[in-house]
Each structure stands twice: as C-alpha cells, then as structure tokens.
Amino acid sequence: MPTHRWTKFRHSSRGAQIAATWRAALHFTDHDIEIRGKVRSYDCMKEGRYTITQLSSDGKLQLLNLQSRIFNPLVEITENYFREQLSILHPNVFSKEALQRKPYFLNAMKLLWSKPREGKQDVHYDISQRCMAGVRYSCILFCTPSHHTAVPNAHADDMKVVFRDGDELTDQQYHENVSILRKVRFISEIVPAGSGITFHTNVAHHGVENMSHKHKRIVVFALFCPRMDKKADETQKFPLPPRPGVNMDESQ
C-alpha cells in the first residue's frame, strides 16, 4: 500500500453474503444519475425514498420507506465490513486506537451498476483537491464476478506529478500527463463477488467495460473522510481531459 496506495481484499463468505444482499436490493432501486461510462448510480444515503406498495388488508395504499427499511441496515453492515478491511490494511488510521485520536466518517455509499459492454471510464481521481485526496479512502465491493476497477501498476511517487494543482491543465502539463500515463499499465483482473479494493483517493483509476454478454456488473462504492462532507466525491479530477487529435485509449 505505501508503494502503490491501493490494494485488493480477498473474497470472504461474509463479503459474499453482503454482495448477494446488494444484488437483491438492486431490484428496489432506480438510478439517481448516470455517470461517466454509462454507469448508473444510486445514492444509498439519500433520505426520503418512498415507493407505493400493494394494497393493505383494509384496501389502503401503503408507503414503504426503502431508505429506512432496506438501505439503512445494509449501509451499516457494509460500512462495518469496509472498516474491518481498512483496519487491517491501515491500522495507523483505522484501528480503534487511531480512530479515538482522529475519527473517520462514512461520507458516501453508492450502489453502481453497468449494463453489458458499458462501464468504461476515463482515468480520474475521486477527489479533485490534492490536499484532501491524500487522506481520504475509497472502497469498492464487487457484488458480481467482474474485472475490478483498473488501478496503476506504478509507484505512487511516479504518479504524483499527474495530479496537477488547479482546475485547468496547460498544454505542457497535458502532454506530460499523456507521456507518463502511456507508460503506466493499469491492472484490472477478474475477481469473484464478495471481494473488493480500497485506495487513497489520490490514486488515478477508472472503471472498465462490463465484459459480460448478459449480466449487469454491480458494485458498492464507499468514501471515508476525516470530516463529514457528503459532497466530497461530487467533483472528480481528470488528468487527461479530452483534447482534439489525441487518442485517449492510447494514453490510458
């Protein structure tokens, strides 16, 4: 982790059970937004979700609060599972003793899914500010067998320069980023449902195409931050914004 700042955590029976529950929960949802790569995103921590259910015995329509009855318990279970993995991988940050000194908060949890042959994303960072990204952690649980999120097989120091300060890249910075990223191999291996990956949010990464011919790829994303900020992941940084005349596939 100190070298690449990302690591996978293995499939477990508990992880598989949580993944299966999320797969079932997908039937109760519709996506809030469609993000890059045509990935559907459902905010599991958004309040006020209701749907009309069947008639009750007295003939009245019933309202089921999906947020409180389905997602709240599942969010809590998944958060605890992620925290257990983080405590193993980052005991200096997520052990009980470390959290007593400096707590970390669950800032986001989203259910994401992509249809067959969709889901390929541009290289990006989950957090747009460098000073914030280095102390925040993304976690992903794979709820279906799939290729995991593509992460760089490169030393963190070699990748550091690609995370430029500011919102705009100069032409020189852009071409330097292209040169660096063309030399970096992004790893994406097949993993079973119930496995996961975690990384600092200053790790460049991207979702890959769903290679299944008929099944959705379903994942759960969570973000842990040293302070509560539910909008922390709403703005991402792209080290290679589209530019005319540059083949983005070659640069990734």
Protein backbone atom coordinates (compact mmCIF):
# COMPACT_ATOMS: atom_id res chain seq x y z
CA MET A 1 0.00 0.00 0.00
CA PRO A 2 2.72 2.62 0.72
CA THR A 3 4.12 1.99 -2.78
CA HIS A 4 1.02 1.90 -4.95
CA ARG A 5 -1.53 3.18 -2.40
CA TRP A 6 -4.13 0.63 -3.43
CA THR A 7 -4.79 -2.98 -2.51
CA LYS A 8 -7.39 -5.68 -3.05
CA PHE A 9 -9.09 -7.54 -0.25
CA ARG A 10 -10.00 -11.14 -0.83
CA HIS A 11 -13.34 -12.80 -1.25
CA SER A 12 -14.86 -13.97 2.01
CA SER A 13 -18.11 -15.68 2.97
CA ARG A 14 -19.22 -12.52 4.75
CA GLY A 15 -18.32 -10.35 1.79
CA ALA A 16 -20.22 -12.73 -0.49
CA GLN A 17 -23.31 -12.52 1.73
CA ILE A 18 -23.23 -8.72 1.71
CA ALA A 19 -22.74 -8.74 -2.07
CA ALA A 20 -25.74 -11.03 -2.52
CA THR A 21 -27.90 -8.71 -0.40
CA TRP A 22 -26.91 -5.74 -2.55
CA ARG A 23 -27.76 -7.68 -5.71
CA ALA A 24 -31.23 -8.32 -4.30
CA ALA A 25 -31.58 -4.67 -3.24
CA LEU A 26 -30.96 -3.53 -6.81
CA HIS A 27 -34.49 -4.69 -7.68
CA PHE A 28 -35.90 -1.99 -5.37
CA THR A 29 -33.95 0.87 -6.89
CA ASP A 30 -33.75 3.11 -9.88
CA HIS A 31 -30.62 5.13 -10.53
CA ASP A 32 -30.40 8.77 -9.49
CA ILE A 33 -27.93 9.74 -12.20
CA GLU A 34 -25.86 8.22 -14.95
CA ILE A 35 -22.18 8.96 -14.51
CA ARG A 36 -19.22 8.59 -16.86
CA GLY A 37 -19.11 5.31 -18.76
CA LYS A 38 -22.92 4.99 -18.59
CA VAL A 39 -22.65 3.72 -15.02
CA ARG A 40 -25.92 4.01 -13.09
CA SER A 41 -25.56 5.47 -9.62
CA TYR A 42 -27.92 5.19 -6.66
CA ASP A 43 -27.16 7.24 -3.54
CA CYS A 44 -27.79 4.84 -0.65
CA MET A 45 -27.54 7.60 1.96
CA LYS A 46 -30.09 9.91 0.38
CA GLU A 47 -33.10 10.42 2.59
CA GLY A 48 -36.80 10.47 1.78
CA ARG A 49 -37.08 7.48 -0.56
CA TYR A 50 -40.60 6.10 -0.79
CA THR A 51 -42.44 3.79 -3.15
CA ILE A 52 -46.08 2.70 -3.29
CA THR A 53 -46.58 -0.96 -2.43
CA GLN A 54 -49.59 -3.23 -2.81
CA LEU A 55 -52.92 -2.61 -1.14
CA SER A 56 -53.10 -3.41 2.55
CA SER A 57 -55.79 -5.64 4.05
CA ASP A 58 -58.07 -2.63 4.61
CA GLY A 59 -57.75 -1.53 0.99
CA LYS A 60 -55.36 1.39 1.56
CA LEU A 61 -52.15 2.03 -0.31
CA GLN A 62 -49.05 1.55 1.81
CA LEU A 63 -45.86 3.58 1.54
CA LEU A 64 -42.64 1.67 2.07
CA ASN A 65 -39.64 3.74 3.14
CA LEU A 66 -36.88 2.00 1.24
CA GLN A 67 -34.18 4.11 2.85
CA SER A 68 -35.01 3.17 6.43
CA ARG A 69 -36.19 -0.43 5.97
CA ILE A 70 -33.76 -1.73 3.36
CA PHE A 71 -30.77 0.51 2.89
CA ASN A 72 -30.07 1.84 6.38
CA PRO A 73 -29.30 -1.62 7.82
CA LEU A 74 -27.41 -2.64 4.68
CA VAL A 75 -25.37 0.56 4.66
CA GLU A 76 -24.43 -0.04 8.30
CA ILE A 77 -23.43 -3.66 7.68
CA THR A 78 -21.37 -2.71 4.63
CA GLU A 79 -19.73 0.21 6.42
CA ASN A 80 -18.65 -2.10 9.25
CA TYR A 81 -17.28 -4.59 6.75
CA PHE A 82 -15.26 -1.91 4.97
CA ARG A 83 -13.97 -0.59 8.29
CA GLU A 84 -12.76 -4.07 9.23
CA GLN A 85 -10.82 -4.30 5.97
CA LEU A 86 -9.39 -0.81 6.41
CA SER A 87 -8.31 -1.56 9.98
CA ILE A 88 -6.24 -4.47 8.64
CA LEU A 89 -4.75 -2.52 5.74
CA HIS A 90 -4.34 0.84 7.52
CA PRO A 91 -4.07 0.16 11.26
CA ASN A 92 -2.36 3.53 11.81
CA VAL A 93 -5.57 5.22 10.60
CA PHE A 94 -8.45 2.80 11.17
CA SER A 95 -7.54 0.83 14.30
CA LYS A 96 -9.73 1.53 17.35
CA GLU A 97 -6.90 3.42 18.98
CA ALA A 98 -6.24 5.55 15.89
CA LEU A 99 -9.94 6.35 15.44
CA GLN A 100 -10.16 7.53 19.03
CA ARG A 101 -7.48 10.11 18.24
CA LYS A 102 -8.86 11.04 14.82
CA PRO A 103 -12.23 9.67 13.72
CA TYR A 104 -13.07 8.87 10.12
CA PHE A 105 -16.59 9.28 8.77
CA LEU A 106 -18.55 7.50 6.07
CA ASN A 107 -19.20 10.33 3.61
CA ALA A 108 -20.79 8.40 0.77
CA MET A 109 -22.12 5.00 -0.18
CA LYS A 110 -23.47 4.38 -3.65
CA LEU A 111 -24.78 1.37 -5.50
CA LEU A 112 -23.36 1.39 -9.04
CA TRP A 113 -24.16 -0.83 -11.97
CA SER A 114 -23.38 -1.04 -15.66
CA LYS A 115 -25.01 -3.00 -18.46
CA PRO A 116 -23.06 -5.38 -20.70
CA ARG A 117 -20.41 -3.61 -22.80
CA GLU A 118 -20.82 -0.42 -20.79
CA GLY A 119 -18.93 0.97 -17.83
CA LYS A 120 -15.60 2.02 -19.37
CA GLN A 121 -14.49 5.32 -17.83
CA ASP A 122 -11.79 7.90 -18.33
CA VAL A 123 -8.89 7.92 -15.89
CA HIS A 124 -9.84 10.06 -12.90
CA TYR A 125 -9.40 10.77 -9.19
CA ASP A 126 -12.39 10.62 -6.85
CA ILE A 127 -11.36 13.85 -5.10
CA SER A 128 -10.34 16.96 -7.02
CA GLN A 129 -8.16 18.62 -4.36
CA ARG A 130 -4.71 17.15 -3.76
CA CYS A 131 -4.55 18.14 -0.07
CA MET A 132 -7.83 16.35 0.61
CA ALA A 133 -7.25 13.31 -1.61
CA GLY A 134 -4.24 12.02 0.29
CA VAL A 135 -6.20 11.47 3.50
CA ARG A 136 -9.41 10.03 2.07
CA TYR A 137 -10.13 6.42 1.19
CA SER A 138 -12.33 4.85 -1.46
CA CYS A 139 -13.64 1.31 -1.00
CA ILE A 140 -15.37 -0.83 -3.61
CA LEU A 141 -17.18 -4.13 -3.01
CA PHE A 142 -17.75 -6.21 -6.14
CA CYS A 143 -21.23 -7.71 -5.95
CA THR A 144 -20.95 -9.70 -9.18
CA PRO A 145 -17.97 -11.53 -10.69
CA SER A 146 -16.16 -8.95 -12.80
CA HIS A 147 -12.91 -7.25 -13.66
CA HIS A 148 -12.03 -4.95 -10.80
CA THR A 149 -11.51 -1.21 -11.09
CA ALA A 150 -8.36 -0.52 -13.10
CA VAL A 151 -5.52 0.81 -10.92
CA PRO A 152 -1.96 1.75 -11.88
CA ASN A 153 0.95 -0.65 -11.51
CA ALA A 154 3.28 2.21 -10.70
CA HIS A 155 4.98 3.68 -7.67
CA ALA A 156 2.95 6.42 -6.01
CA ASP A 157 5.86 8.86 -6.33
CA ASP A 158 5.98 8.26 -10.11
CA MET A 159 2.27 9.05 -10.39
CA LYS A 160 2.26 12.04 -8.07
CA VAL A 161 3.05 14.61 -10.74
CA VAL A 162 -0.03 13.61 -12.76
CA PHE A 163 -2.30 15.03 -10.03
CA ARG A 164 -1.87 18.65 -11.08
CA ASP A 165 -2.99 21.55 -8.93
CA GLY A 166 -5.72 23.80 -10.27
CA ASP A 167 -8.71 23.09 -12.49
CA GLU A 168 -7.05 23.57 -15.88
CA LEU A 169 -4.02 21.93 -17.48
CA THR A 170 -1.57 23.86 -19.60
CA ASP A 171 -0.65 22.27 -22.92
CA GLN A 172 2.72 21.29 -21.47
CA GLN A 173 1.16 19.67 -18.39
CA TYR A 174 -1.35 17.83 -20.53
CA HIS A 175 1.28 16.33 -22.82
CA GLU A 176 3.45 15.44 -19.82
CA ASN A 177 0.48 13.57 -18.34
CA VAL A 178 -0.10 11.78 -21.65
CA SER A 179 3.56 10.76 -21.75
CA ILE A 180 3.51 9.45 -18.17
CA LEU A 181 0.22 7.58 -18.37
CA ARG A 182 1.06 5.91 -21.68
CA LYS A 183 3.93 4.19 -19.88
CA VAL A 184 1.77 3.02 -16.96
CA ARG A 185 0.00 -0.31 -17.06
CA PHE A 186 -3.41 -0.23 -15.39
CA ILE A 187 -4.29 -3.53 -13.74
CA SER A 188 -7.81 -4.97 -13.89
CA GLU A 189 -8.16 -8.65 -13.02
CA ILE A 190 -11.19 -10.92 -12.72
CA VAL A 191 -12.45 -11.09 -9.13
CA PRO A 192 -15.33 -13.01 -7.54
CA ALA A 193 -18.38 -11.44 -5.94
CA GLY A 194 -17.62 -10.59 -2.33
CA SER A 195 -14.10 -9.30 -2.97
CA GLY A 196 -13.07 -5.67 -3.01
CA ILE A 197 -10.46 -3.00 -3.47
CA THR A 198 -9.50 0.10 -1.50
CA PHE A 199 -7.28 3.02 -2.40
CA HIS A 200 -6.33 6.51 -1.35
CA THR A 201 -8.34 8.99 -3.39
CA ASN A 202 -5.15 10.38 -4.91
CA VAL A 203 -4.82 7.15 -6.90
CA ALA A 204 -5.73 7.53 -10.58
CA HIS A 205 -8.12 4.78 -11.66
CA HIS A 206 -11.04 4.02 -13.93
CA GLY A 207 -13.95 1.65 -14.30
CA VAL A 208 -13.57 -0.92 -17.06
CA GLU A 209 -16.04 -2.23 -19.61
CA ASN A 210 -18.51 -4.83 -18.35
CA MET A 211 -17.37 -7.85 -20.36
CA SER A 212 -20.44 -9.94 -19.56
CA HIS A 213 -22.75 -10.57 -22.50
CA LYS A 214 -25.96 -10.60 -20.47
CA HIS A 215 -25.38 -9.67 -16.79
CA LYS A 216 -25.08 -6.32 -15.09
CA ARG A 217 -21.92 -5.53 -13.17
CA ILE A 218 -22.89 -4.37 -9.68
CA VAL A 219 -20.56 -2.72 -7.17
CA VAL A 220 -20.87 -0.72 -3.96
CA PHE A 221 -18.70 2.36 -3.54
CA ALA A 222 -17.93 3.99 -0.19
CA LEU A 223 -15.86 7.03 0.76
CA PHE A 224 -14.26 7.57 4.18
CA CYS A 225 -13.09 11.05 5.18
CA PRO A 226 -11.65 12.69 8.33
CA ARG A 227 -14.63 15.05 8.45
CA MET A 228 -18.26 14.80 7.40
CA ASP A 229 -18.75 16.18 3.91
CA LYS A 230 -21.45 14.43 1.90
CA LYS A 231 -20.41 16.30 -1.25
CA ALA A 232 -16.76 15.27 -1.03
CA ASP A 233 -16.91 12.98 -4.07
CA GLU A 234 -19.13 15.12 -6.29
CA THR A 235 -16.19 16.68 -8.14
CA GLN A 236 -13.55 14.43 -9.67
CA LYS A 237 -10.27 15.36 -11.33
CA PHE A 238 -9.37 14.08 -14.79
CA PRO A 239 -5.63 14.05 -15.58
CA LEU A 240 -6.42 13.57 -19.29
CA PRO A 241 -9.42 15.71 -20.28
CA PRO A 242 -10.42 15.12 -23.92
CA ARG A 243 -8.42 17.09 -26.46
CA PRO A 244 -8.64 17.04 -30.26
CA GLY A 245 -6.12 14.88 -32.06
CA VAL A 246 -5.19 12.74 -29.03
CA ASN A 247 -6.23 9.07 -28.90
CA MET A 248 -7.38 8.66 -25.32
CA ASP A 249 -7.22 4.86 -25.50
CA GLU A 250 -3.52 5.06 -26.31
CA SER A 251 -2.93 7.41 -23.38
CA GLN A 252 -4.61 5.03 -20.92
